[in-house]
Each structure stands twice: as C-alpha cells, then as structure tokens.
N, C-alpha and C. Protein backbone atom coordinates (compact mmCIF):
# COMPACT_ATOMS: atom_id res chain seq x y z
N UNK A 1 -8.30 -6.18 4.77
CA UNK A 1 -8.83 -4.96 3.66
C UNK A 1 -9.58 -5.68 2.66
N UNK A 2 -10.69 -4.77 2.35
CA UNK A 2 -11.09 -4.96 1.48
C UNK A 2 -10.87 -4.18 0.34
N UNK A 3 -11.33 -4.08 -0.99
CA UNK A 3 -10.87 -3.64 -1.86
C UNK A 3 -11.37 -2.40 -2.50
N UNK A 4 -10.77 -1.65 -2.30
CA UNK A 4 -10.72 -0.30 -2.48
C UNK A 4 -10.72 0.61 -3.91
N UNK A 5 -10.95 -0.68 -5.08
CA UNK A 5 -10.80 0.06 -6.42
C UNK A 5 -12.73 -0.65 -6.89
N UNK A 6 -12.77 0.52 -7.86
CA UNK A 6 -14.11 0.60 -8.92
C UNK A 6 -14.27 -1.14 -8.90
N UNK A 7 -15.18 -1.23 -9.65
CA UNK A 7 -15.68 -2.63 -10.62
C UNK A 7 -15.01 -1.81 -11.64
N UNK A 8 -15.40 -0.86 -12.42
CA UNK A 8 -14.62 -0.07 -13.57
C UNK A 8 -12.64 -0.25 -13.33
N UNK A 9 -12.02 0.32 -12.78
CA UNK A 9 -10.91 -0.20 -12.22
C UNK A 9 -10.53 -1.58 -12.22
N UNK A 10 -11.44 -2.43 -12.03
CA UNK A 10 -10.91 -4.03 -12.06
C UNK A 10 -10.95 -4.39 -13.47
N UNK A 11 -11.84 -3.97 -13.84
CA UNK A 11 -12.21 -4.30 -15.35
C UNK A 11 -10.90 -3.80 -16.20
N UNK A 12 -10.40 -2.51 -15.72
CA UNK A 12 -9.46 -1.81 -17.08
C UNK A 12 -8.50 -2.76 -16.71
N UNK A 13 -7.86 -3.17 -15.67
CA UNK A 13 -6.88 -3.48 -15.00
C UNK A 13 -6.43 -5.04 -15.52
N UNK A 14 -8.03 -5.49 -15.48
CA UNK A 14 -7.66 -7.28 -16.21
C UNK A 14 -8.22 -7.35 -17.93
N UNK A 15 -8.66 -5.74 -18.58
CA UNK A 15 -8.15 -5.80 -20.07
C UNK A 15 -6.82 -5.51 -20.04
N UNK A 16 -6.23 -4.88 -19.23
CA UNK A 16 -4.40 -4.43 -19.92
C UNK A 16 -3.35 -5.95 -19.20
N UNK A 17 -4.59 -6.37 -18.33
CA UNK A 17 -3.48 -7.39 -18.66
C UNK A 17 -4.29 -8.65 -18.91
N UNK A 18 -4.87 -8.20 -19.46
CA UNK A 18 -5.58 -10.19 -20.15
C UNK A 18 -5.45 -10.99 -19.18
N UNK A 19 -6.23 -10.80 -18.37
CA UNK A 19 -6.53 -11.07 -17.01
C UNK A 19 -8.39 -11.43 -15.98
N UNK A 20 -8.99 -12.72 -15.81
CA UNK A 20 -9.92 -12.97 -15.85
C UNK A 20 -10.02 -11.79 -14.13
N UNK A 21 -11.38 -10.76 -13.78
CA UNK A 21 -11.48 -9.47 -13.32
C UNK A 21 -11.81 -10.52 -11.95
N UNK A 22 -11.60 -11.84 -11.44
CA UNK A 22 -11.78 -12.77 -10.60
C UNK A 22 -10.40 -12.79 -9.97
N UNK A 23 -9.38 -13.35 -11.00
CA UNK A 23 -8.00 -12.99 -10.64
C UNK A 23 -7.67 -11.33 -10.32
N UNK A 24 -7.71 -10.80 -10.80
CA UNK A 24 -7.29 -9.29 -10.56
C UNK A 24 -8.18 -8.73 -9.40
N UNK A 25 -9.60 -8.98 -8.92
CA UNK A 25 -9.62 -8.85 -7.40
C UNK A 25 -9.22 -9.46 -6.22
N UNK A 26 -8.79 -11.39 -6.82
CA UNK A 26 -8.07 -11.76 -6.12
C UNK A 26 -6.75 -10.81 -5.20
N UNK A 27 -5.90 -10.88 -6.55
CA UNK A 27 -4.93 -10.54 -6.13
C UNK A 27 -4.90 -8.51 -5.71
N UNK A 28 -5.71 -7.57 -5.99
CA UNK A 28 -5.88 -6.55 -5.00
C UNK A 28 -6.31 -6.70 -3.55
N UNK A 29 -7.00 -7.70 -3.37
CA UNK A 29 -7.18 -8.16 -1.62
C UNK A 29 -6.36 -8.90 -1.17
N UNK A 30 -5.40 -9.28 -1.62
CA UNK A 30 -3.78 -9.53 -0.92
C UNK A 30 -4.09 -11.02 -1.26
N UNK A 31 -4.48 -11.45 -2.27
CA UNK A 31 -4.98 -13.33 -2.17
C UNK A 31 -3.71 -13.73 -2.63
N UNK A 32 -3.50 -15.30 -2.91
CA UNK A 32 -2.96 -15.41 -3.78
C UNK A 32 -3.24 -16.18 -4.88
N UNK A 33 -2.66 -15.66 -5.61
CA UNK A 33 -2.51 -15.77 -7.04
C UNK A 33 -0.82 -16.12 -7.62
N UNK A 34 -1.29 -16.72 -8.65
CA UNK A 34 0.29 -17.67 -9.28
C UNK A 34 0.55 -16.30 -9.86
N UNK A 35 1.73 -16.84 -9.75
CA UNK A 35 3.17 -15.89 -10.12
C UNK A 35 3.06 -15.07 -11.22
N UNK A 36 2.77 -16.11 -12.51
CA UNK A 36 2.51 -15.34 -14.02
C UNK A 36 1.19 -14.54 -13.74
N UNK A 37 0.42 -14.65 -13.36
CA UNK A 37 -0.75 -13.62 -13.26
C UNK A 37 -0.68 -12.56 -12.40
N UNK A 38 -0.16 -12.23 -11.41
CA UNK A 38 0.25 -11.65 -10.61
C UNK A 38 1.27 -10.82 -11.50
N UNK A 39 2.75 -11.62 -12.11
CA UNK A 39 3.32 -9.93 -12.96
C UNK A 39 2.97 -9.39 -13.81
N UNK A 40 1.96 -10.04 -14.89
CA UNK A 40 1.04 -9.71 -15.13
C UNK A 40 -0.14 -8.47 -15.35
N UNK A 41 -0.26 -8.26 -13.45
CA UNK A 41 -1.56 -7.68 -13.31
C UNK A 41 -0.94 -6.55 -12.92
N UNK A 42 0.56 -6.79 -11.71
CA UNK A 42 1.38 -6.05 -11.47
C UNK A 42 1.82 -5.11 -13.14
N UNK A 43 2.08 -5.69 -13.57
CA UNK A 43 2.97 -4.84 -15.09
C UNK A 43 1.42 -3.82 -16.11
N UNK A 44 0.54 -4.89 -15.20
CA UNK A 44 -0.82 -3.90 -16.21
C UNK A 44 -1.14 -2.88 -15.18
N UNK A 45 -0.76 -2.76 -13.56
CA UNK A 45 -0.64 -1.46 -12.98
C UNK A 45 -0.22 -0.68 -13.08
N UNK A 46 1.57 -0.79 -13.97
CA UNK A 46 2.66 0.11 -13.62
C UNK A 46 2.26 1.23 -15.37
N UNK A 47 1.00 1.02 -16.64
CA UNK A 47 0.57 0.38 -17.40
C UNK A 47 -0.32 1.42 -17.35
N UNK A 48 -0.34 1.17 -16.34
CA UNK A 48 -1.70 2.58 -16.35
C UNK A 48 -1.52 3.22 -15.21
N UNK A 49 -0.61 3.23 -14.31
CA UNK A 49 -0.34 4.30 -13.64
C UNK A 49 -1.07 4.48 -12.19
N UNK A 50 -1.80 2.32 -11.61
CA UNK A 50 -2.41 2.81 -10.49
C UNK A 50 -0.88 1.98 -9.00
N UNK A 51 -1.25 2.86 -7.99
CA UNK A 51 -1.01 2.45 -7.18
C UNK A 51 -1.83 1.32 -6.79
N UNK A 52 -0.80 0.24 -5.72
CA UNK A 52 -1.27 -0.29 -5.15
C UNK A 52 -1.28 -0.64 -4.11
N UNK A 53 -2.58 -0.48 -2.68
CA UNK A 53 -2.33 -0.19 -1.63
C UNK A 53 -1.37 -1.05 -0.86
N UNK A 54 -0.34 -1.72 0.23
CA UNK A 54 0.18 -2.22 0.57
C UNK A 54 -1.16 -2.85 1.48
N UNK A 55 -1.12 -4.20 1.23
CA UNK A 55 -1.68 -5.56 1.87
C UNK A 55 -1.28 -4.98 3.42
N UNK A 56 -2.08 -5.04 4.84
CA UNK A 56 -1.87 -4.39 6.35
C UNK A 56 -1.68 -6.23 6.53
N UNK A 57 -0.17 -6.07 7.31
CA UNK A 57 0.46 -7.49 7.61
C UNK A 57 0.23 -7.49 8.79
N UNK A 58 0.01 -8.84 8.97
CA UNK A 58 -1.02 -9.19 10.14
C UNK A 58 0.44 -10.39 10.97
N UNK A 59 0.85 -9.46 12.04
CA UNK A 59 1.62 -10.72 12.46
C UNK A 59 1.36 -11.08 13.79
N UNK A 60 1.62 -12.52 14.00
CA UNK A 60 0.90 -12.79 15.68
C UNK A 60 2.69 -13.22 16.56
N UNK A 61 2.02 -12.08 17.81
CA UNK A 61 3.10 -12.86 18.57
C UNK A 61 3.21 -14.42 18.98
N UNK A 62 4.00 -14.01 20.06
CA UNK A 62 3.66 -15.51 20.81
C UNK A 62 2.16 -15.57 21.65
N UNK A 63 1.40 -16.90 22.20
CA UNK A 63 0.92 -17.25 22.74
C UNK A 63 1.23 -16.79 24.20
N UNK A 64 0.47 -16.67 24.87
CA UNK A 64 0.29 -16.12 25.79
C UNK A 64 0.70 -17.28 27.01
N UNK A 65 1.79 -17.68 27.65
CA UNK A 65 2.10 -18.21 28.44
C UNK A 65 2.56 -19.56 27.98
N UNK A 66 3.27 -19.45 26.77
CA UNK A 66 4.28 -20.90 26.30
C UNK A 66 5.53 -19.81 26.46
N UNK A 67 6.34 -20.74 26.44
CA UNK A 67 7.67 -20.80 26.89
C UNK A 67 8.41 -19.64 26.09
C-alpha cells in the first residue's frame, strides 16, 4: 500500500508526535515500529483529527496440492 499522505502531513504528524518523519512514514505504510512509537503517532493522529486508512490484510490460503 502506498503512503497516501503528503510530505507536509507526515511532517505535521511527526512534530505533534515528537517522532522522526521516517518512523511516521513507516507507521503509515503499515510497517513495524516500536509500540511506544506507534502509541505516540496514534495519539498525534487523533489530536490532529487525521484518520489513517486501514492497511490491506493479505491472507494466504493453503497451497494447492497440500492436504
């Protein structure tokens, strides 16, 4: 999933969360960040009134030919 947030939005969120913009970008892309980082970014998003799109969930069924 591509980051649908502008560089300006990422900067606003990072300033409010007191986090590095690269960490904010990783979080918004659905990549792994430390729980404390995620919590501060979520709080910043809520304070700024920004909704984060849900990451697409990829599920893999059983491989064809397996019992």
